[in-house]
Amino acid sequence: MNEDESAVRLRERFVRWQSELRQSLSTHAALVAAFASGGVGFVGSILNDTEARFGGCTSWLILAAGVFFLLSLFLALFISFNRLRDVRSTLEILRHRRDKSSDEIITELQTRTAELGKTTWALVYWQFGTFAVAAALFLAGVFFAFEHRMFPAPEPPKQNQTKLNAAEHSTATPNPHEGCDVSSIMRTGALG
């Protein structure tokens, strides 16, 4: 294999893997957007749950999780819009090359496409980050909202049970006449 064939094969492999990267990027951004949509639904469900106990930081954790899930969804929209602009710029580059336009126009378009690519990757990292923060806040909020159900406090003993337990463990000598009526004792002549 000569040097020209090797360069062609390398270029073909590069194009194939670049296409694979774009497809993977789209898939991951859509997956995070789907999870964020589910997260917004879970937040709404938790806020309407009658068993959840809110107050203090629990309410703020759940609400902050909802805000971060929504932010992740908005970032998915910006990623999609930015990707469309990137594809459009790439097509313009190809059209200008086909039409043998000046190198200056092509270089300008390549610079814009490179900036759009950097912006897309920055937005993807922000989307992943906001989703991770939202998930952590949501898990903490759910833990505090349902802590009473996951780790219930032991019930205090009932009043009657306390008296019974005290009588069982008493060291005093039991009184055989406890609870006896004096009149019934007089009638039976037990006193004398």
N, C-alpha and C. Protein backbone atom coordinates (compact mmCIF):
# COMPACT_ATOMS: atom_id res chain seq x y z
N MET A 1 0.85 -1.17 0.00
CA MET A 1 0.00 0.00 0.00
C MET A 1 0.90 1.24 0.00
N ASN A 2 0.62 2.14 -0.92
CA ASN A 2 1.46 3.33 -1.00
C ASN A 2 0.92 4.44 -0.09
N GLU A 3 1.63 5.56 -0.10
CA GLU A 3 1.32 6.65 0.81
C GLU A 3 -0.02 7.30 0.50
N ASP A 4 -0.38 7.41 -0.77
CA ASP A 4 -1.66 8.02 -1.16
C ASP A 4 -2.84 7.18 -0.67
N GLU A 5 -2.75 5.87 -0.85
CA GLU A 5 -3.83 4.99 -0.40
C GLU A 5 -3.97 5.03 1.12
N SER A 6 -2.86 5.11 1.80
CA SER A 6 -2.88 5.20 3.26
C SER A 6 -3.56 6.49 3.71
N ALA A 7 -3.26 7.60 3.05
CA ALA A 7 -3.88 8.88 3.40
C ALA A 7 -5.38 8.85 3.14
N VAL A 8 -5.78 8.22 2.04
CA VAL A 8 -7.21 8.11 1.71
C VAL A 8 -7.93 7.28 2.76
N ARG A 9 -7.33 6.15 3.13
CA ARG A 9 -7.94 5.28 4.14
C ARG A 9 -8.04 5.99 5.49
N LEU A 10 -7.00 6.74 5.83
CA LEU A 10 -7.01 7.49 7.09
C LEU A 10 -8.10 8.55 7.07
N ARG A 11 -8.27 9.24 5.96
CA ARG A 11 -9.31 10.25 5.83
C ARG A 11 -10.69 9.61 5.93
N GLU A 12 -10.88 8.46 5.28
CA GLU A 12 -12.16 7.75 5.35
C GLU A 12 -12.48 7.32 6.78
N ARG A 13 -11.47 6.81 7.48
CA ARG A 13 -11.68 6.41 8.87
C ARG A 13 -12.03 7.62 9.74
N PHE A 14 -11.34 8.75 9.48
CA PHE A 14 -11.62 9.96 10.24
C PHE A 14 -13.05 10.41 10.03
N VAL A 15 -13.50 10.42 8.79
CA VAL A 15 -14.87 10.84 8.47
C VAL A 15 -15.87 9.90 9.13
N ARG A 16 -15.60 8.59 9.07
CA ARG A 16 -16.50 7.61 9.68
C ARG A 16 -16.60 7.82 11.20
N TRP A 17 -15.46 8.01 11.87
CA TRP A 17 -15.49 8.18 13.31
C TRP A 17 -16.04 9.54 13.72
N GLN A 18 -15.84 10.54 12.89
CA GLN A 18 -16.44 11.83 13.17
C GLN A 18 -17.96 11.73 13.08
N SER A 19 -18.45 11.01 12.11
CA SER A 19 -19.89 10.77 11.99
C SER A 19 -20.41 10.00 13.19
N GLU A 20 -19.62 9.01 13.62
CA GLU A 20 -20.00 8.23 14.81
C GLU A 20 -20.06 9.12 16.05
N LEU A 21 -19.11 10.04 16.17
CA LEU A 21 -19.09 10.96 17.31
C LEU A 21 -20.32 11.86 17.29
N ARG A 22 -20.67 12.38 16.13
CA ARG A 22 -21.87 13.23 16.03
C ARG A 22 -23.12 12.47 16.41
N GLN A 23 -23.23 11.24 15.94
CA GLN A 23 -24.40 10.42 16.26
C GLN A 23 -24.45 10.13 17.77
N SER A 24 -23.30 9.83 18.33
CA SER A 24 -23.23 9.55 19.77
C SER A 24 -23.58 10.79 20.59
N LEU A 25 -23.10 11.94 20.15
CA LEU A 25 -23.42 13.20 20.83
C LEU A 25 -24.92 13.44 20.81
N SER A 26 -25.54 13.26 19.68
CA SER A 26 -26.99 13.46 19.57
C SER A 26 -27.74 12.48 20.46
N THR A 27 -27.30 11.24 20.48
CA THR A 27 -27.97 10.22 21.29
C THR A 27 -27.86 10.56 22.78
N HIS A 28 -26.68 10.93 23.22
CA HIS A 28 -26.50 11.23 24.64
C HIS A 28 -27.26 12.49 25.05
N ALA A 29 -27.26 13.50 24.23
CA ALA A 29 -28.00 14.73 24.54
C ALA A 29 -29.50 14.43 24.62
N ALA A 30 -30.00 13.61 23.70
CA ALA A 30 -31.43 13.24 23.73
C ALA A 30 -31.75 12.38 24.94
N LEU A 31 -30.84 11.49 25.32
CA LEU A 31 -31.06 10.65 26.49
C LEU A 31 -31.14 11.48 27.76
N VAL A 32 -30.22 12.43 27.91
CA VAL A 32 -30.25 13.29 29.09
C VAL A 32 -31.52 14.14 29.08
N ALA A 33 -31.94 14.61 27.92
CA ALA A 33 -33.18 15.39 27.83
C ALA A 33 -34.39 14.53 28.24
N ALA A 34 -34.40 13.27 27.83
CA ALA A 34 -35.51 12.38 28.22
C ALA A 34 -35.50 12.15 29.72
N PHE A 35 -34.32 11.92 30.29
CA PHE A 35 -34.23 11.74 31.75
C PHE A 35 -34.65 13.01 32.49
N ALA A 36 -34.27 14.17 31.97
CA ALA A 36 -34.65 15.44 32.59
C ALA A 36 -36.16 15.63 32.53
N SER A 37 -36.77 15.23 31.42
CA SER A 37 -38.24 15.31 31.33
C SER A 37 -38.89 14.42 32.38
N GLY A 38 -38.35 13.22 32.53
CA GLY A 38 -38.86 12.33 33.57
C GLY A 38 -38.64 12.91 34.96
N GLY A 39 -37.50 13.58 35.15
CA GLY A 39 -37.23 14.21 36.43
C GLY A 39 -38.23 15.31 36.76
N VAL A 40 -38.61 16.10 35.76
CA VAL A 40 -39.62 17.14 35.98
C VAL A 40 -40.95 16.48 36.39
N GLY A 41 -41.28 15.38 35.73
CA GLY A 41 -42.51 14.66 36.09
C GLY A 41 -42.45 14.11 37.51
N PHE A 42 -41.30 13.56 37.90
CA PHE A 42 -41.15 13.05 39.27
C PHE A 42 -41.25 14.17 40.29
N VAL A 43 -40.68 15.32 40.00
CA VAL A 43 -40.77 16.46 40.92
C VAL A 43 -42.23 16.85 41.11
N GLY A 44 -42.97 16.93 40.02
CA GLY A 44 -44.39 17.25 40.12
C GLY A 44 -45.15 16.20 40.91
N SER A 45 -44.81 14.96 40.72
CA SER A 45 -45.46 13.88 41.46
C SER A 45 -45.16 13.96 42.95
N ILE A 46 -43.92 14.23 43.29
CA ILE A 46 -43.54 14.34 44.71
C ILE A 46 -44.24 15.53 45.36
N LEU A 47 -44.32 16.64 44.64
CA LEU A 47 -44.97 17.83 45.20
C LEU A 47 -46.46 17.60 45.46
N ASN A 48 -47.07 16.69 44.72
CA ASN A 48 -48.49 16.40 44.91
C ASN A 48 -48.74 15.19 45.81
N ASP A 49 -47.71 14.56 46.30
CA ASP A 49 -47.84 13.37 47.13
C ASP A 49 -48.27 13.76 48.54
N THR A 50 -49.33 13.11 49.03
CA THR A 50 -49.83 13.44 50.37
C THR A 50 -48.98 12.82 51.48
N GLU A 51 -48.20 11.83 51.17
CA GLU A 51 -47.35 11.18 52.17
C GLU A 51 -46.04 11.93 52.41
N ALA A 52 -45.67 12.81 51.47
CA ALA A 52 -44.39 13.53 51.58
C ALA A 52 -44.52 14.61 52.65
N ARG A 53 -43.47 14.77 53.41
CA ARG A 53 -43.41 15.82 54.43
C ARG A 53 -42.45 16.90 53.95
N PHE A 54 -43.00 18.10 53.80
CA PHE A 54 -42.20 19.23 53.33
C PHE A 54 -41.96 20.19 54.47
N GLY A 55 -40.96 20.97 54.30
CA GLY A 55 -40.60 21.97 55.30
C GLY A 55 -39.09 22.06 55.38
N GLY A 56 -38.62 23.20 55.80
CA GLY A 56 -37.17 23.36 55.90
C GLY A 56 -36.51 23.22 54.55
N CYS A 57 -35.46 22.43 54.52
CA CYS A 57 -34.69 22.30 53.28
C CYS A 57 -35.34 21.34 52.28
N THR A 58 -36.26 20.50 52.72
CA THR A 58 -36.86 19.52 51.82
C THR A 58 -37.57 20.20 50.64
N SER A 59 -38.36 21.20 50.94
CA SER A 59 -39.07 21.92 49.87
C SER A 59 -38.10 22.57 48.90
N TRP A 60 -37.06 23.18 49.44
CA TRP A 60 -36.08 23.85 48.59
C TRP A 60 -35.31 22.86 47.75
N LEU A 61 -35.00 21.69 48.29
CA LEU A 61 -34.29 20.68 47.51
C LEU A 61 -35.12 20.21 46.33
N ILE A 62 -36.39 19.93 46.57
CA ILE A 62 -37.27 19.45 45.50
C ILE A 62 -37.47 20.54 44.44
N LEU A 63 -37.71 21.77 44.88
CA LEU A 63 -37.91 22.86 43.93
C LEU A 63 -36.64 23.14 43.13
N ALA A 64 -35.49 23.12 43.79
CA ALA A 64 -34.22 23.34 43.08
C ALA A 64 -33.97 22.23 42.07
N ALA A 65 -34.32 21.00 42.43
CA ALA A 65 -34.17 19.88 41.49
C ALA A 65 -35.03 20.13 40.25
N GLY A 66 -36.25 20.58 40.45
CA GLY A 66 -37.13 20.89 39.31
C GLY A 66 -36.55 21.98 38.43
N VAL A 67 -35.97 23.01 39.04
CA VAL A 67 -35.38 24.10 38.27
C VAL A 67 -34.19 23.58 37.45
N PHE A 68 -33.34 22.75 38.07
CA PHE A 68 -32.18 22.23 37.34
C PHE A 68 -32.59 21.24 36.25
N PHE A 69 -33.64 20.46 36.49
CA PHE A 69 -34.14 19.58 35.42
C PHE A 69 -34.64 20.42 34.24
N LEU A 70 -35.37 21.50 34.53
CA LEU A 70 -35.86 22.37 33.46
C LEU A 70 -34.69 23.05 32.73
N LEU A 71 -33.68 23.46 33.48
CA LEU A 71 -32.50 24.06 32.86
C LEU A 71 -31.82 23.07 31.93
N SER A 72 -31.76 21.81 32.34
CA SER A 72 -31.17 20.77 31.48
C SER A 72 -31.99 20.60 30.20
N LEU A 73 -33.31 20.70 30.31
CA LEU A 73 -34.15 20.61 29.12
C LEU A 73 -33.93 21.81 28.19
N PHE A 74 -33.82 23.00 28.76
CA PHE A 74 -33.57 24.18 27.92
C PHE A 74 -32.21 24.08 27.24
N LEU A 75 -31.23 23.55 27.93
CA LEU A 75 -29.92 23.36 27.31
C LEU A 75 -30.01 22.37 26.16
N ALA A 76 -30.88 21.36 26.27
CA ALA A 76 -31.07 20.42 25.16
C ALA A 76 -31.63 21.14 23.94
N LEU A 77 -32.52 22.10 24.16
CA LEU A 77 -33.05 22.88 23.04
C LEU A 77 -31.95 23.73 22.39
N PHE A 78 -31.12 24.36 23.23
CA PHE A 78 -30.01 25.16 22.68
C PHE A 78 -29.02 24.28 21.93
N ILE A 79 -28.76 23.08 22.45
CA ILE A 79 -27.85 22.15 21.75
C ILE A 79 -28.42 21.81 20.38
N SER A 80 -29.69 21.51 20.34
CA SER A 80 -30.33 21.16 19.07
C SER A 80 -30.26 22.32 18.08
N PHE A 81 -30.57 23.52 18.55
CA PHE A 81 -30.52 24.69 17.68
C PHE A 81 -29.09 24.95 17.20
N ASN A 82 -28.13 24.82 18.11
CA ASN A 82 -26.73 25.05 17.75
C ASN A 82 -26.24 24.01 16.74
N ARG A 83 -26.68 22.76 16.92
CA ARG A 83 -26.29 21.71 15.98
C ARG A 83 -26.85 21.99 14.59
N LEU A 84 -28.08 22.49 14.52
CA LEU A 84 -28.67 22.85 13.23
C LEU A 84 -27.86 23.95 12.54
N ARG A 85 -27.44 24.95 13.31
CA ARG A 85 -26.62 26.02 12.75
C ARG A 85 -25.28 25.47 12.27
N ASP A 86 -24.72 24.52 13.03
CA ASP A 86 -23.43 23.91 12.67
C ASP A 86 -23.56 23.14 11.34
N VAL A 87 -24.61 22.35 11.21
CA VAL A 87 -24.83 21.59 9.98
C VAL A 87 -25.04 22.54 8.80
N ARG A 88 -25.79 23.59 9.04
CA ARG A 88 -26.04 24.56 7.97
C ARG A 88 -24.73 25.22 7.52
N SER A 89 -23.87 25.58 8.47
CA SER A 89 -22.58 26.18 8.11
C SER A 89 -21.70 25.19 7.34
N THR A 90 -21.74 23.93 7.77
CA THR A 90 -20.95 22.91 7.06
C THR A 90 -21.43 22.75 5.63
N LEU A 91 -22.74 22.77 5.44
CA LEU A 91 -23.28 22.68 4.08
C LEU A 91 -22.90 23.90 3.24
N GLU A 92 -22.86 25.07 3.86
CA GLU A 92 -22.43 26.27 3.14
C GLU A 92 -20.98 26.14 2.69
N ILE A 93 -20.14 25.58 3.57
CA ILE A 93 -18.73 25.36 3.20
C ILE A 93 -18.64 24.46 1.98
N LEU A 94 -19.38 23.37 2.00
CA LEU A 94 -19.37 22.43 0.88
C LEU A 94 -19.89 23.08 -0.40
N ARG A 95 -20.93 23.89 -0.26
CA ARG A 95 -21.47 24.57 -1.44
C ARG A 95 -20.46 25.55 -2.02
N HIS A 96 -19.78 26.31 -1.14
CA HIS A 96 -18.78 27.26 -1.62
C HIS A 96 -17.57 26.55 -2.23
N ARG A 97 -17.21 25.40 -1.71
CA ARG A 97 -16.11 24.64 -2.32
C ARG A 97 -16.52 24.12 -3.70
N ARG A 98 -17.77 23.65 -3.79
CA ARG A 98 -18.26 23.16 -5.08
C ARG A 98 -18.28 24.28 -6.11
N ASP A 99 -18.69 25.47 -5.66
CA ASP A 99 -18.76 26.62 -6.56
C ASP A 99 -17.41 27.31 -6.73
N LYS A 100 -16.38 26.77 -6.11
CA LYS A 100 -15.02 27.31 -6.19
C LYS A 100 -14.97 28.77 -5.76
N SER A 101 -15.60 29.04 -4.61
CA SER A 101 -15.58 30.40 -4.04
C SER A 101 -14.20 30.69 -3.48
N SER A 102 -14.02 31.93 -3.07
CA SER A 102 -12.70 32.34 -2.57
C SER A 102 -12.38 31.64 -1.25
N ASP A 103 -11.10 31.48 -1.01
CA ASP A 103 -10.64 30.83 0.21
C ASP A 103 -11.02 31.64 1.45
N GLU A 104 -11.13 32.95 1.27
CA GLU A 104 -11.47 33.82 2.40
C GLU A 104 -12.87 33.50 2.93
N ILE A 105 -13.82 33.30 2.04
CA ILE A 105 -15.19 32.97 2.45
C ILE A 105 -15.22 31.60 3.15
N ILE A 106 -14.51 30.65 2.58
CA ILE A 106 -14.49 29.30 3.14
C ILE A 106 -13.83 29.31 4.52
N THR A 107 -12.74 30.05 4.67
CA THR A 107 -12.04 30.15 5.96
C THR A 107 -12.95 30.78 7.01
N GLU A 108 -13.69 31.80 6.61
CA GLU A 108 -14.62 32.46 7.54
C GLU A 108 -15.71 31.48 8.00
N LEU A 109 -16.24 30.73 7.05
CA LEU A 109 -17.26 29.73 7.39
C LEU A 109 -16.68 28.62 8.27
N GLN A 110 -15.46 28.21 8.00
CA GLN A 110 -14.82 27.18 8.82
C GLN A 110 -14.61 27.67 10.25
N THR A 111 -14.23 28.94 10.39
CA THR A 111 -14.06 29.53 11.73
C THR A 111 -15.38 29.54 12.48
N ARG A 112 -16.45 29.93 11.78
CA ARG A 112 -17.77 29.95 12.41
C ARG A 112 -18.22 28.55 12.80
N THR A 113 -17.98 27.58 11.93
CA THR A 113 -18.35 26.20 12.22
C THR A 113 -17.56 25.66 13.41
N ALA A 114 -16.29 25.99 13.49
CA ALA A 114 -15.47 25.55 14.63
C ALA A 114 -16.00 26.15 15.93
N GLU A 115 -16.40 27.42 15.91
CA GLU A 115 -16.96 28.06 17.10
C GLU A 115 -18.28 27.41 17.50
N LEU A 116 -19.10 27.10 16.50
CA LEU A 116 -20.37 26.43 16.80
C LEU A 116 -20.13 25.05 17.41
N GLY A 117 -19.12 24.34 16.93
CA GLY A 117 -18.78 23.04 17.50
C GLY A 117 -18.34 23.15 18.94
N LYS A 118 -17.50 24.16 19.24
CA LYS A 118 -17.06 24.38 20.62
C LYS A 118 -18.24 24.74 21.52
N THR A 119 -19.14 25.56 20.99
CA THR A 119 -20.32 25.94 21.77
C THR A 119 -21.19 24.72 22.04
N THR A 120 -21.35 23.86 21.05
CA THR A 120 -22.15 22.65 21.25
C THR A 120 -21.57 21.80 22.36
N TRP A 121 -20.26 21.58 22.34
CA TRP A 121 -19.64 20.76 23.38
C TRP A 121 -19.75 21.40 24.75
N ALA A 122 -19.61 22.72 24.81
CA ALA A 122 -19.77 23.41 26.09
C ALA A 122 -21.20 23.23 26.61
N LEU A 123 -22.18 23.37 25.72
CA LEU A 123 -23.58 23.18 26.13
C LEU A 123 -23.84 21.75 26.59
N VAL A 124 -23.22 20.78 25.93
CA VAL A 124 -23.40 19.37 26.33
C VAL A 124 -22.86 19.16 27.73
N TYR A 125 -21.67 19.70 28.01
CA TYR A 125 -21.11 19.56 29.36
C TYR A 125 -21.99 20.23 30.40
N TRP A 126 -22.52 21.40 30.06
CA TRP A 126 -23.43 22.09 30.97
C TRP A 126 -24.71 21.28 31.17
N GLN A 127 -25.20 20.68 30.10
CA GLN A 127 -26.42 19.87 30.23
C GLN A 127 -26.18 18.69 31.15
N PHE A 128 -25.07 17.98 30.96
CA PHE A 128 -24.76 16.85 31.83
C PHE A 128 -24.59 17.31 33.27
N GLY A 129 -23.91 18.43 33.47
CA GLY A 129 -23.69 18.95 34.82
C GLY A 129 -24.98 19.35 35.51
N THR A 130 -25.85 20.08 34.80
CA THR A 130 -27.11 20.49 35.42
C THR A 130 -27.99 19.29 35.71
N PHE A 131 -27.95 18.28 34.85
CA PHE A 131 -28.74 17.08 35.12
C PHE A 131 -28.20 16.36 36.35
N ALA A 132 -26.88 16.27 36.48
CA ALA A 132 -26.29 15.59 37.64
C ALA A 132 -26.65 16.32 38.94
N VAL A 133 -26.59 17.65 38.92
CA VAL A 133 -26.97 18.44 40.11
C VAL A 133 -28.45 18.23 40.42
N ALA A 134 -29.28 18.25 39.38
CA ALA A 134 -30.73 18.04 39.58
C ALA A 134 -31.00 16.67 40.19
N ALA A 135 -30.33 15.65 39.68
CA ALA A 135 -30.56 14.30 40.20
C ALA A 135 -30.13 14.20 41.66
N ALA A 136 -28.99 14.81 42.01
CA ALA A 136 -28.52 14.77 43.41
C ALA A 136 -29.49 15.51 44.32
N LEU A 137 -29.94 16.69 43.89
CA LEU A 137 -30.90 17.45 44.71
C LEU A 137 -32.21 16.69 44.86
N PHE A 138 -32.65 16.07 43.78
CA PHE A 138 -33.90 15.31 43.83
C PHE A 138 -33.80 14.13 44.79
N LEU A 139 -32.70 13.40 44.71
CA LEU A 139 -32.53 12.25 45.61
C LEU A 139 -32.48 12.70 47.07
N ALA A 140 -31.78 13.79 47.35
CA ALA A 140 -31.74 14.30 48.72
C ALA A 140 -33.13 14.76 49.16
N GLY A 141 -33.84 15.45 48.29
CA GLY A 141 -35.19 15.90 48.63
C GLY A 141 -36.15 14.76 48.88
N VAL A 142 -36.08 13.72 48.05
CA VAL A 142 -36.94 12.55 48.25
C VAL A 142 -36.61 11.87 49.57
N PHE A 143 -35.32 11.78 49.88
CA PHE A 143 -34.92 11.15 51.14
C PHE A 143 -35.53 11.89 52.32
N PHE A 144 -35.41 13.22 52.34
CA PHE A 144 -35.94 13.98 53.46
C PHE A 144 -37.47 14.01 53.46
N ALA A 145 -38.09 14.00 52.29
CA ALA A 145 -39.56 14.04 52.22
C ALA A 145 -40.18 12.73 52.71
N PHE A 146 -39.47 11.62 52.52
CA PHE A 146 -40.03 10.32 52.89
C PHE A 146 -39.21 9.62 53.97
N GLU A 147 -38.38 10.35 54.66
CA GLU A 147 -37.56 9.77 55.72
C GLU A 147 -38.42 9.11 56.78
N HIS A 148 -39.56 9.72 57.09
CA HIS A 148 -40.45 9.17 58.11
C HIS A 148 -41.03 7.82 57.69
N ARG A 149 -41.11 7.58 56.39
CA ARG A 149 -41.62 6.29 55.91
C ARG A 149 -40.52 5.25 55.80
N MET A 150 -39.31 5.70 55.46
CA MET A 150 -38.20 4.76 55.32
C MET A 150 -37.63 4.34 56.67
N PHE A 151 -37.56 5.29 57.61
CA PHE A 151 -37.01 5.02 58.93
C PHE A 151 -37.99 5.52 59.98
N PRO A 152 -39.09 4.80 60.19
CA PRO A 152 -40.09 5.28 61.16
C PRO A 152 -39.53 5.27 62.58
N ALA A 153 -39.94 6.26 63.38
CA ALA A 153 -39.52 6.33 64.78
C ALA A 153 -40.25 5.25 65.56
N PRO A 154 -39.60 4.65 66.56
CA PRO A 154 -40.29 3.64 67.36
C PRO A 154 -41.44 4.28 68.12
N GLU A 155 -42.54 3.54 68.21
CA GLU A 155 -43.72 4.06 68.90
C GLU A 155 -43.49 3.99 70.40
N PRO A 156 -43.90 5.05 71.14
CA PRO A 156 -43.75 5.00 72.59
C PRO A 156 -44.73 3.98 73.17
N PRO A 157 -44.38 3.33 74.30
CA PRO A 157 -45.30 2.35 74.87
C PRO A 157 -46.58 3.03 75.33
N LYS A 158 -47.68 2.30 75.26
CA LYS A 158 -48.98 2.85 75.66
C LYS A 158 -49.03 2.95 77.19
N GLN A 159 -49.93 3.77 77.70
CA GLN A 159 -50.04 4.04 79.14
C GLN A 159 -50.38 2.77 79.91
N ASN A 160 -51.36 1.99 79.48
CA ASN A 160 -51.77 0.77 80.19
C ASN A 160 -50.63 -0.24 80.20
N GLN A 161 -49.91 -0.30 79.13
CA GLN A 161 -48.79 -1.23 79.04
C GLN A 161 -47.69 -0.82 80.02
N THR A 162 -47.53 0.46 80.25
CA THR A 162 -46.52 0.94 81.18
C THR A 162 -46.86 0.51 82.60
N LYS A 163 -48.11 0.66 82.97
CA LYS A 163 -48.52 0.24 84.32
C LYS A 163 -48.34 -1.25 84.50
N LEU A 164 -48.71 -2.02 83.49
CA LEU A 164 -48.59 -3.47 83.57
C LEU A 164 -47.12 -3.85 83.70
N ASN A 165 -46.27 -3.23 82.91
CA ASN A 165 -44.85 -3.53 82.99
C ASN A 165 -44.27 -3.14 84.34
N ALA A 166 -44.71 -2.03 84.93
CA ALA A 166 -44.23 -1.60 86.23
C ALA A 166 -44.67 -2.58 87.31
N ALA A 167 -45.89 -3.08 87.21
CA ALA A 167 -46.40 -4.03 88.21
C ALA A 167 -45.66 -5.35 88.10
N GLU A 168 -45.30 -5.77 86.91
CA GLU A 168 -44.59 -7.03 86.73
C GLU A 168 -43.18 -6.95 87.31
N HIS A 169 -42.57 -5.79 87.24
CA HIS A 169 -41.19 -5.65 87.69
C HIS A 169 -41.09 -5.07 89.10
N SER A 170 -42.18 -4.93 89.80
CA SER A 170 -42.19 -4.36 91.15
C SER A 170 -41.61 -5.36 92.14
N THR A 171 -40.84 -4.85 93.08
CA THR A 171 -40.25 -5.72 94.11
C THR A 171 -41.07 -5.72 95.38
N ALA A 172 -42.07 -4.86 95.44
CA ALA A 172 -42.91 -4.80 96.65
C ALA A 172 -43.78 -6.05 96.74
N THR A 173 -44.16 -6.42 97.97
CA THR A 173 -45.02 -7.57 98.20
C THR A 173 -46.43 -7.22 97.77
N PRO A 174 -47.04 -8.08 97.01
CA PRO A 174 -48.40 -7.77 96.55
C PRO A 174 -49.39 -7.77 97.73
N ASN A 175 -50.36 -6.89 97.71
CA ASN A 175 -51.40 -6.78 98.72
C ASN A 175 -52.56 -7.68 98.32
N PRO A 176 -52.87 -8.68 99.09
CA PRO A 176 -53.96 -9.59 98.71
C PRO A 176 -55.32 -8.94 98.73
N HIS A 177 -55.46 -7.85 99.44
CA HIS A 177 -56.78 -7.19 99.56
C HIS A 177 -56.92 -6.01 98.62
N GLU A 178 -55.92 -5.81 97.72
CA GLU A 178 -55.98 -4.68 96.81
C GLU A 178 -57.16 -4.86 95.87
N GLY A 179 -57.96 -3.82 95.78
CA GLY A 179 -59.12 -3.86 94.91
C GLY A 179 -60.34 -4.48 95.57
N CYS A 180 -60.24 -4.83 96.83
CA CYS A 180 -61.39 -5.42 97.52
C CYS A 180 -62.27 -4.32 98.10
N ASP A 181 -63.54 -4.57 98.14
CA ASP A 181 -64.51 -3.64 98.69
C ASP A 181 -64.63 -3.94 100.19
N VAL A 182 -64.58 -2.92 101.05
CA VAL A 182 -64.64 -3.09 102.51
C VAL A 182 -65.97 -3.70 102.92
N SER A 183 -67.06 -3.35 102.28
CA SER A 183 -68.37 -3.89 102.67
C SER A 183 -68.46 -5.39 102.39
N SER A 184 -67.84 -5.84 101.30
CA SER A 184 -67.88 -7.28 101.04
C SER A 184 -67.05 -8.05 102.06
N ILE A 185 -66.02 -7.44 102.56
CA ILE A 185 -65.22 -8.10 103.58
C ILE A 185 -66.00 -8.20 104.89
N MET A 186 -66.75 -7.15 105.25
CA MET A 186 -67.53 -7.14 106.48
C MET A 186 -68.63 -8.21 106.41
N ARG A 187 -69.27 -8.37 105.28
CA ARG A 187 -70.35 -9.34 105.17
C ARG A 187 -69.85 -10.77 105.29
N THR A 188 -68.71 -11.03 104.82
CA THR A 188 -68.21 -12.40 104.87
C THR A 188 -67.58 -12.72 106.20
N GLY A 189 -67.37 -11.69 106.98
CA GLY A 189 -66.79 -11.91 108.30
C GLY A 189 -65.32 -12.24 108.25
N ALA A 190 -64.65 -11.77 107.25
CA ALA A 190 -63.24 -12.10 107.09
C ALA A 190 -62.37 -11.38 108.11
N LEU A 191 -62.89 -10.29 108.71
CA LEU A 191 -62.10 -9.54 109.65
C LEU A 191 -62.23 -10.10 111.08
N GLY A 192 -63.12 -10.89 111.30
CA GLY A 192 -63.04 -11.37 112.62
C GLY A 192 -64.24 -11.93 113.14
